[in-house]
Full PDB file with SEQRES, HELIX, SHEET, SSBOND, CRYST1, ORIGX, SCALE, CONECT and MASTER records, all heavy atoms in Angstrom:
SEQRES   1 A   32  ALA VAL ASP GLU PRO GLU ALA ARG ARG ASP ARG ILE ALA          
SEQRES   2 A   32  ALA LEU GLU ALA ALA LEU GLY PRO ALA GLY GLU LEU VAL          
SEQRES   3 A   32  HIS ALA ASP HIS GLU HIS                                      
HELIX    1 AA1 PRO A    5  ALA A   17  1                                  13    
CRYST1    1.000    1.000    1.000  90.00  90.00  90.00 P 1           1          
ORIGX1      1.000000  0.000000  0.000000        0.00000                         
ORIGX2      0.000000  1.000000  0.000000        0.00000                         
ORIGX3      0.000000  0.000000  1.000000        0.00000                         
SCALE1      1.000000  0.000000  0.000000        0.00000                         
SCALE2      0.000000  1.000000  0.000000        0.00000                         
SCALE3      0.000000  0.000000  1.000000        0.00000                         
ATOM      1  N   ALA A   1       8.429  -8.289   6.541  1.00  0.00           N  
ATOM      2  CA  ALA A   1       8.232  -9.598   7.283  1.00  0.00           C  
ATOM      3  C   ALA A   1       7.808 -10.684   6.407  1.00  0.00           C  
ATOM      4  O   ALA A   1       8.146 -11.891   6.763  1.00  0.00           O  
ATOM      5  CB  ALA A   1       7.179  -9.340   8.363  1.00  0.00           C  
ATOM      6  N   VAL A   2       7.090 -10.541   5.322  1.00  0.00           N  
ATOM      7  CA  VAL A   2       6.623 -11.608   4.531  1.00  0.00           C  
ATOM      8  C   VAL A   2       7.801 -12.264   3.757  1.00  0.00           C  
ATOM      9  O   VAL A   2       8.697 -11.533   3.358  1.00  0.00           O  
ATOM     10  CB  VAL A   2       5.510 -11.092   3.470  1.00  0.00           C  
ATOM     11  CG1 VAL A   2       4.281 -10.611   4.250  1.00  0.00           C  
ATOM     12  CG2 VAL A   2       6.056 -10.117   2.559  1.00  0.00           C  
ATOM     13  N   ASP A   3       7.690 -13.547   3.580  1.00  0.00           N  
ATOM     14  CA  ASP A   3       8.781 -14.238   2.826  1.00  0.00           C  
ATOM     15  C   ASP A   3       8.297 -15.109   1.658  1.00  0.00           C  
ATOM     16  O   ASP A   3       8.986 -15.840   1.089  1.00  0.00           O  
ATOM     17  CB  ASP A   3       9.606 -15.116   3.812  1.00  0.00           C  
ATOM     18  CG  ASP A   3       8.788 -16.180   4.521  1.00  0.00           C  
ATOM     19  OD1 ASP A   3       7.502 -16.208   4.214  1.00  0.00           O  
ATOM     20  OD2 ASP A   3       9.351 -16.956   5.263  1.00  0.00           O  
ATOM     21  N   GLU A   4       6.969 -14.924   1.327  1.00  0.00           N  
ATOM     22  CA  GLU A   4       6.435 -15.629   0.183  1.00  0.00           C  
ATOM     23  C   GLU A   4       6.413 -14.730  -0.986  1.00  0.00           C  
ATOM     24  O   GLU A   4       5.943 -13.495  -0.897  1.00  0.00           O  
ATOM     25  CB  GLU A   4       5.007 -16.199   0.488  1.00  0.00           C  
ATOM     26  CG  GLU A   4       4.985 -17.293   1.427  1.00  0.00           C  
ATOM     27  CD  GLU A   4       5.676 -18.621   0.891  1.00  0.00           C  
ATOM     28  OE1 GLU A   4       5.701 -18.736  -0.263  1.00  0.00           O  
ATOM     29  OE2 GLU A   4       6.167 -19.353   1.733  1.00  0.00           O  
ATOM     30  N   PRO A   5       6.992 -15.056  -2.156  1.00  0.00           N  
ATOM     31  CA  PRO A   5       7.028 -14.146  -3.368  1.00  0.00           C  
ATOM     32  C   PRO A   5       5.730 -13.444  -3.704  1.00  0.00           C  
ATOM     33  O   PRO A   5       5.585 -12.288  -3.950  1.00  0.00           O  
ATOM     34  CB  PRO A   5       7.620 -15.030  -4.474  1.00  0.00           C  
ATOM     35  CG  PRO A   5       8.314 -16.035  -3.743  1.00  0.00           C  
ATOM     36  CD  PRO A   5       7.616 -16.315  -2.466  1.00  0.00           C  
ATOM     37  N   GLU A   6       4.624 -14.357  -3.804  1.00  0.00           N  
ATOM     38  CA  GLU A   6       3.294 -13.774  -4.164  1.00  0.00           C  
ATOM     39  C   GLU A   6       2.830 -12.816  -3.129  1.00  0.00           C  
ATOM     40  O   GLU A   6       2.277 -11.727  -3.477  1.00  0.00           O  
ATOM     41  CB  GLU A   6       2.365 -14.929  -4.302  1.00  0.00           C  
ATOM     42  CG  GLU A   6       0.948 -14.431  -4.891  1.00  0.00           C  
ATOM     43  CD  GLU A   6       0.109 -15.573  -5.153  1.00  0.00           C  
ATOM     44  OE1 GLU A   6       0.432 -16.779  -5.229  1.00  0.00           O  
ATOM     45  OE2 GLU A   6      -1.135 -15.313  -5.437  1.00  0.00           O  
ATOM     46  N   ALA A   7       2.912 -13.130  -1.831  1.00  0.00           N  
ATOM     47  CA  ALA A   7       2.486 -12.234  -0.794  1.00  0.00           C  
ATOM     48  C   ALA A   7       3.284 -10.978  -0.859  1.00  0.00           C  
ATOM     49  O   ALA A   7       2.770  -9.857  -0.605  1.00  0.00           O  
ATOM     50  CB  ALA A   7       2.603 -12.879   0.570  1.00  0.00           C  
ATOM     51  N   ARG A   8       4.558 -11.084  -1.119  1.00  0.00           N  
ATOM     52  CA  ARG A   8       5.471  -9.906  -1.207  1.00  0.00           C  
ATOM     53  C   ARG A   8       4.981  -9.009  -2.340  1.00  0.00           C  
ATOM     54  O   ARG A   8       4.972  -7.723  -2.152  1.00  0.00           O  
ATOM     55  CB  ARG A   8       6.858 -10.352  -1.391  1.00  0.00           C  
ATOM     56  CG  ARG A   8       7.866  -9.184  -1.307  1.00  0.00           C  
ATOM     57  CD  ARG A   8       9.296  -9.816  -1.384  1.00  0.00           C  
ATOM     58  NE  ARG A   8      10.286  -8.824  -1.193  1.00  0.00           N  
ATOM     59  CZ  ARG A   8      10.720  -7.990  -2.172  1.00  0.00           C  
ATOM     60  NH1 ARG A   8      10.242  -8.100  -3.354  1.00  0.00           N  
ATOM     61  NH2 ARG A   8      11.632  -7.106  -1.926  1.00  0.00           N  
ATOM     62  N   ARG A   9       4.675  -9.543  -3.422  1.00  0.00           N  
ATOM     63  CA  ARG A   9       4.196  -8.709  -4.538  1.00  0.00           C  
ATOM     64  C   ARG A   9       2.901  -8.018  -4.252  1.00  0.00           C  
ATOM     65  O   ARG A   9       2.711  -6.825  -4.577  1.00  0.00           O  
ATOM     66  CB  ARG A   9       4.027  -9.579  -5.883  1.00  0.00           C  
ATOM     67  CG  ARG A   9       5.315 -10.024  -6.508  1.00  0.00           C  
ATOM     68  CD  ARG A   9       5.047 -10.609  -7.832  1.00  0.00           C  
ATOM     69  NE  ARG A   9       4.314 -11.925  -7.806  1.00  0.00           N  
ATOM     70  CZ  ARG A   9       4.884 -13.135  -7.691  1.00  0.00           C  
ATOM     71  NH1 ARG A   9       6.156 -13.244  -7.647  1.00  0.00           N  
ATOM     72  NH2 ARG A   9       4.095 -14.169  -7.600  1.00  0.00           N  
ATOM     73  N   ASP A  10       2.012  -8.744  -3.548  1.00  0.00           N  
ATOM     74  CA  ASP A  10       0.721  -8.159  -3.113  1.00  0.00           C  
ATOM     75  C   ASP A  10       0.980  -6.913  -2.179  1.00  0.00           C  
ATOM     76  O   ASP A  10       0.328  -5.953  -2.239  1.00  0.00           O  
ATOM     77  CB  ASP A  10      -0.105  -9.168  -2.405  1.00  0.00           C  
ATOM     78  CG  ASP A  10      -0.661 -10.216  -3.377  1.00  0.00           C  
ATOM     79  OD1 ASP A  10      -0.620  -9.904  -4.628  1.00  0.00           O  
ATOM     80  OD2 ASP A  10      -1.153 -11.287  -2.883  1.00  0.00           O  
ATOM     81  N   ARG A  11       1.949  -7.162  -1.204  1.00  0.00           N  
ATOM     82  CA  ARG A  11       2.220  -6.032  -0.301  1.00  0.00           C  
ATOM     83  C   ARG A  11       2.840  -4.783  -0.921  1.00  0.00           C  
ATOM     84  O   ARG A  11       2.519  -3.719  -0.590  1.00  0.00           O  
ATOM     85  CB  ARG A  11       3.143  -6.582   0.875  1.00  0.00           C  
ATOM     86  CG  ARG A  11       2.611  -7.563   1.821  1.00  0.00           C  
ATOM     87  CD  ARG A  11       1.217  -7.874   1.909  1.00  0.00           C  
ATOM     88  NE  ARG A  11       0.290  -6.734   2.187  1.00  0.00           N  
ATOM     89  CZ  ARG A  11      -0.895  -6.694   1.788  1.00  0.00           C  
ATOM     90  NH1 ARG A  11      -1.486  -7.766   1.186  1.00  0.00           N  
ATOM     91  NH2 ARG A  11      -1.669  -5.666   2.090  1.00  0.00           N  
ATOM     92  N   ILE A  12       3.659  -5.051  -1.930  1.00  0.00           N  
ATOM     93  CA  ILE A  12       4.224  -4.002  -2.682  1.00  0.00           C  
ATOM     94  C   ILE A  12       3.166  -3.173  -3.472  1.00  0.00           C  
ATOM     95  O   ILE A  12       3.137  -1.940  -3.432  1.00  0.00           O  
ATOM     96  CB  ILE A  12       5.371  -4.430  -3.652  1.00  0.00           C  
ATOM     97  CG1 ILE A  12       6.613  -4.953  -2.901  1.00  0.00           C  
ATOM     98  CG2 ILE A  12       5.774  -3.319  -4.679  1.00  0.00           C  
ATOM     99  CD1 ILE A  12       7.676  -5.534  -3.802  1.00  0.00           C  
ATOM    100  N   ALA A  13       2.281  -3.961  -4.033  1.00  0.00           N  
ATOM    101  CA  ALA A  13       1.197  -3.342  -4.810  1.00  0.00           C  
ATOM    102  C   ALA A  13       0.311  -2.491  -3.846  1.00  0.00           C  
ATOM    103  O   ALA A  13      -0.151  -1.399  -4.170  1.00  0.00           O  
ATOM    104  CB  ALA A  13       0.343  -4.380  -5.467  1.00  0.00           C  
ATOM    105  N   ALA A  14       0.059  -3.059  -2.691  1.00  0.00           N  
ATOM    106  CA  ALA A  14      -0.795  -2.371  -1.695  1.00  0.00           C  
ATOM    107  C   ALA A  14      -0.140  -1.051  -1.237  1.00  0.00           C  
ATOM    108  O   ALA A  14      -0.793  -0.051  -1.099  1.00  0.00           O  
ATOM    109  CB  ALA A  14      -1.140  -3.262  -0.560  1.00  0.00           C  
ATOM    110  N   LEU A  15       1.166  -1.143  -0.952  1.00  0.00           N  
ATOM    111  CA  LEU A  15       1.901   0.051  -0.546  1.00  0.00           C  
ATOM    112  C   LEU A  15       1.877   1.105  -1.628  1.00  0.00           C  
ATOM    113  O   LEU A  15       1.644   2.263  -1.282  1.00  0.00           O  
ATOM    114  CB  LEU A  15       3.308  -0.417  -0.162  1.00  0.00           C  
ATOM    115  CG  LEU A  15       4.171   0.630   0.617  1.00  0.00           C  
ATOM    116  CD1 LEU A  15       5.112  -0.070   1.517  1.00  0.00           C  
ATOM    117  CD2 LEU A  15       4.951   1.456  -0.368  1.00  0.00           C  
ATOM    118  N   GLU A  16       2.142   0.758  -2.829  1.00  0.00           N  
ATOM    119  CA  GLU A  16       2.112   1.725  -3.859  1.00  0.00           C  
ATOM    120  C   GLU A  16       0.745   2.299  -4.153  1.00  0.00           C  
ATOM    121  O   GLU A  16       0.613   3.492  -4.547  1.00  0.00           O  
ATOM    122  CB  GLU A  16       2.724   1.141  -5.202  1.00  0.00           C  
ATOM    123  CG  GLU A  16       4.137   0.777  -5.080  1.00  0.00           C  
ATOM    124  CD  GLU A  16       4.809   0.195  -6.283  1.00  0.00           C  
ATOM    125  OE1 GLU A  16       4.151  -0.565  -6.938  1.00  0.00           O  
ATOM    126  OE2 GLU A  16       5.966   0.619  -6.631  1.00  0.00           O  
ATOM    127  N   ALA A  17      -0.291   1.571  -3.899  1.00  0.00           N  
ATOM    128  CA  ALA A  17      -1.685   1.972  -4.123  1.00  0.00           C  
ATOM    129  C   ALA A  17      -2.012   3.036  -3.057  1.00  0.00           C  
ATOM    130  O   ALA A  17      -2.991   3.751  -3.198  1.00  0.00           O  
ATOM    131  CB  ALA A  17      -2.621   0.792  -4.122  1.00  0.00           C  
ATOM    132  N   ALA A  18      -1.301   3.006  -1.899  1.00  0.00           N  
ATOM    133  CA  ALA A  18      -1.604   3.992  -0.873  1.00  0.00           C  
ATOM    134  C   ALA A  18      -1.072   5.362  -1.253  1.00  0.00           C  
ATOM    135  O   ALA A  18      -1.330   6.374  -0.468  1.00  0.00           O  
ATOM    136  CB  ALA A  18      -0.923   3.541   0.463  1.00  0.00           C  
ATOM    137  N   LEU A  19      -0.309   5.508  -2.374  1.00  0.00           N  
ATOM    138  CA  LEU A  19       0.281   6.837  -2.698  1.00  0.00           C  
ATOM    139  C   LEU A  19      -0.484   7.445  -3.787  1.00  0.00           C  
ATOM    140  O   LEU A  19      -0.880   6.919  -4.765  1.00  0.00           O  
ATOM    141  CB  LEU A  19       1.666   6.574  -3.229  1.00  0.00           C  
ATOM    142  CG  LEU A  19       2.705   5.882  -2.210  1.00  0.00           C  
ATOM    143  CD1 LEU A  19       4.082   5.727  -2.824  1.00  0.00           C  
ATOM    144  CD2 LEU A  19       2.778   6.757  -0.932  1.00  0.00           C  
ATOM    145  N   GLY A  20      -0.872   8.741  -3.572  1.00  0.00           N  
ATOM    146  CA  GLY A  20      -1.534   9.581  -4.531  1.00  0.00           C  
ATOM    147  C   GLY A  20      -0.594  10.105  -5.622  1.00  0.00           C  
ATOM    148  O   GLY A  20       0.621   9.786  -5.575  1.00  0.00           O  
ATOM    149  N   PRO A  21      -1.106  10.857  -6.575  1.00  0.00           N  
ATOM    150  CA  PRO A  21      -0.282  11.240  -7.661  1.00  0.00           C  
ATOM    151  C   PRO A  21       0.937  12.087  -7.314  1.00  0.00           C  
ATOM    152  O   PRO A  21       1.951  12.109  -8.043  1.00  0.00           O  
ATOM    153  CB  PRO A  21      -1.268  12.130  -8.546  1.00  0.00           C  
ATOM    154  CG  PRO A  21      -2.667  11.591  -8.095  1.00  0.00           C  
ATOM    155  CD  PRO A  21      -2.486  11.246  -6.678  1.00  0.00           C  
ATOM    156  N   ALA A  22       0.827  12.898  -6.177  1.00  0.00           N  
ATOM    157  CA  ALA A  22       1.881  13.673  -5.757  1.00  0.00           C  
ATOM    158  C   ALA A  22       2.664  13.019  -4.556  1.00  0.00           C  
ATOM    159  O   ALA A  22       3.469  13.765  -3.873  1.00  0.00           O  
ATOM    160  CB  ALA A  22       1.403  15.069  -5.289  1.00  0.00           C  
ATOM    161  N   GLY A  23       2.550  11.717  -4.375  1.00  0.00           N  
ATOM    162  CA  GLY A  23       3.157  11.045  -3.265  1.00  0.00           C  
ATOM    163  C   GLY A  23       2.550  11.162  -1.963  1.00  0.00           C  
ATOM    164  O   GLY A  23       3.025  10.690  -0.984  1.00  0.00           O  
ATOM    165  N   GLU A  24       1.344  11.854  -1.906  1.00  0.00           N  
ATOM    166  CA  GLU A  24       0.611  11.932  -0.656  1.00  0.00           C  
ATOM    167  C   GLU A  24      -0.111  10.583  -0.256  1.00  0.00           C  
ATOM    168  O   GLU A  24      -0.319   9.746  -1.177  1.00  0.00           O  
ATOM    169  CB  GLU A  24      -0.437  13.061  -0.747  1.00  0.00           C  
ATOM    170  CG  GLU A  24      -1.680  12.699  -1.584  1.00  0.00           C  
ATOM    171  CD  GLU A  24      -1.552  12.774  -3.084  1.00  0.00           C  
ATOM    172  OE1 GLU A  24      -0.379  12.891  -3.559  1.00  0.00           O  
ATOM    173  OE2 GLU A  24      -2.516  12.749  -3.805  1.00  0.00           O  
ATOM    174  N   LEU A  25      -0.401  10.440   0.934  1.00  0.00           N  
ATOM    175  CA  LEU A  25      -1.093   9.250   1.337  1.00  0.00           C  
ATOM    176  C   LEU A  25      -2.598   9.412   1.090  1.00  0.00           C  
ATOM    177  O   LEU A  25      -3.140  10.411   1.539  1.00  0.00           O  
ATOM    178  CB  LEU A  25      -0.786   8.896   2.844  1.00  0.00           C  
ATOM    179  CG  LEU A  25       0.656   8.634   3.160  1.00  0.00           C  
ATOM    180  CD1 LEU A  25       0.749   8.422   4.690  1.00  0.00           C  
ATOM    181  CD2 LEU A  25       1.203   7.448   2.411  1.00  0.00           C  
ATOM    182  N   VAL A  26      -3.158   8.477   0.413  1.00  0.00           N  
ATOM    183  CA  VAL A  26      -4.530   8.692  -0.027  1.00  0.00           C  
ATOM    184  C   VAL A  26      -5.639   8.262   0.951  1.00  0.00           C  
ATOM    185  O   VAL A  26      -6.859   8.421   0.695  1.00  0.00           O  
ATOM    186  CB  VAL A  26      -4.765   7.922  -1.367  1.00  0.00           C  
ATOM    187  CG1 VAL A  26      -3.882   8.524  -2.418  1.00  0.00           C  
ATOM    188  CG2 VAL A  26      -4.567   6.480  -1.269  1.00  0.00           C  
ATOM    189  N   HIS A  27      -5.215   7.554   2.015  1.00  0.00           N  
ATOM    190  CA  HIS A  27      -6.276   7.087   2.947  1.00  0.00           C  
ATOM    191  C   HIS A  27      -7.022   8.292   3.608  1.00  0.00           C  
ATOM    192  O   HIS A  27      -6.400   9.330   3.869  1.00  0.00           O  
ATOM    193  CB  HIS A  27      -5.612   6.268   4.080  1.00  0.00           C  
ATOM    194  CG  HIS A  27      -4.874   5.065   3.564  1.00  0.00           C  
ATOM    195  ND1 HIS A  27      -5.541   3.974   2.990  1.00  0.00           N  
ATOM    196  CD2 HIS A  27      -3.578   4.723   3.496  1.00  0.00           C  
ATOM    197  CE1 HIS A  27      -4.637   3.059   2.596  1.00  0.00           C  
ATOM    198  NE2 HIS A  27      -3.419   3.570   2.874  1.00  0.00           N  
ATOM    199  N   ALA A  28      -8.236   8.095   3.760  1.00  0.00           N  
ATOM    200  CA  ALA A  28      -9.152   9.279   4.118  1.00  0.00           C  
ATOM    201  C   ALA A  28      -9.047   9.665   5.598  1.00  0.00           C  
ATOM    202  O   ALA A  28      -8.282  10.536   5.968  1.00  0.00           O  
ATOM    203  CB  ALA A  28     -10.568   8.919   3.767  1.00  0.00           C  
ATOM    204  N   ASP A  29      -9.770   9.059   6.465  1.00  0.00           N  
ATOM    205  CA  ASP A  29      -9.809   9.483   7.829  1.00  0.00           C  
ATOM    206  C   ASP A  29      -9.691   8.315   8.834  1.00  0.00           C  
ATOM    207  O   ASP A  29      -9.632   7.192   8.384  1.00  0.00           O  
ATOM    208  CB  ASP A  29     -11.138  10.249   8.142  1.00  0.00           C  
ATOM    209  CG  ASP A  29     -12.329   9.385   7.676  1.00  0.00           C  
ATOM    210  OD1 ASP A  29     -12.362   8.188   7.942  1.00  0.00           O  
ATOM    211  OD2 ASP A  29     -13.335   9.966   7.080  1.00  0.00           O  
ATOM    212  N   HIS A  30      -9.600   8.610  10.110  1.00  0.00           N  
ATOM    213  CA  HIS A  30      -9.364   7.604  11.081  1.00  0.00           C  
ATOM    214  C   HIS A  30     -10.482   6.556  11.106  1.00  0.00           C  
ATOM    215  O   HIS A  30     -10.205   5.357  11.286  1.00  0.00           O  
ATOM    216  CB  HIS A  30      -9.272   8.227  12.451  1.00  0.00           C  
ATOM    217  CG  HIS A  30      -9.005   7.298  13.577  1.00  0.00           C  
ATOM    218  ND1 HIS A  30      -7.741   6.665  13.719  1.00  0.00           N  
ATOM    219  CD2 HIS A  30      -9.835   6.649  14.584  1.00  0.00           C  
ATOM    220  CE1 HIS A  30      -7.819   5.815  14.717  1.00  0.00           C  
ATOM    221  NE2 HIS A  30      -8.998   5.771  15.238  1.00  0.00           N  
ATOM    222  N   GLU A  31     -11.749   7.004  10.813  1.00  0.00           N  
ATOM    223  CA  GLU A  31     -12.827   6.032  10.896  1.00  0.00           C  
ATOM    224  C   GLU A  31     -12.601   4.883   9.839  1.00  0.00           C  
ATOM    225  O   GLU A  31     -12.963   3.700  10.139  1.00  0.00           O  
ATOM    226  CB  GLU A  31     -14.137   6.736  10.582  1.00  0.00           C  
ATOM    227  CG  GLU A  31     -15.359   5.802  10.638  1.00  0.00           C  
ATOM    228  CD  GLU A  31     -16.654   6.562  10.337  1.00  0.00           C  
ATOM    229  OE1 GLU A  31     -16.568   7.810  10.285  1.00  0.00           O  
ATOM    230  OE2 GLU A  31     -17.661   5.961  10.140  1.00  0.00           O  
ATOM    231  N   HIS A  32     -12.096   5.292   8.733  1.00  0.00           N  
ATOM    232  CA  HIS A  32     -11.898   4.273   7.636  1.00  0.00           C  
ATOM    233  C   HIS A  32     -10.578   3.527   7.809  1.00  0.00           C  
ATOM    234  O   HIS A  32     -10.416   2.418   7.352  1.00  0.00           O  
ATOM    235  CB  HIS A  32     -11.926   4.835   6.290  1.00  0.00           C  
ATOM    236  CG  HIS A  32     -13.293   5.453   5.910  1.00  0.00           C  
ATOM    237  ND1 HIS A  32     -13.641   6.761   6.181  1.00  0.00           N  
ATOM    238  CD2 HIS A  32     -14.350   4.814   5.335  1.00  0.00           C  
ATOM    239  CE1 HIS A  32     -14.943   6.908   5.727  1.00  0.00           C  
ATOM    240  NE2 HIS A  32     -15.286   5.737   5.231  1.00  0.00           N  
TER     241      HIS A  32                                                      
MASTER        0    0    0    1    0    0    0    6  240    1    0    3          
END                                                                             
């Protein structure tokens, strides 16, 4: 949905940061 280059780079970085070393999702539990 984003159309600003800087915001797009930030969203790509956030998405990749959500992936663990084996491709698993690193977010902990529902509370967080």
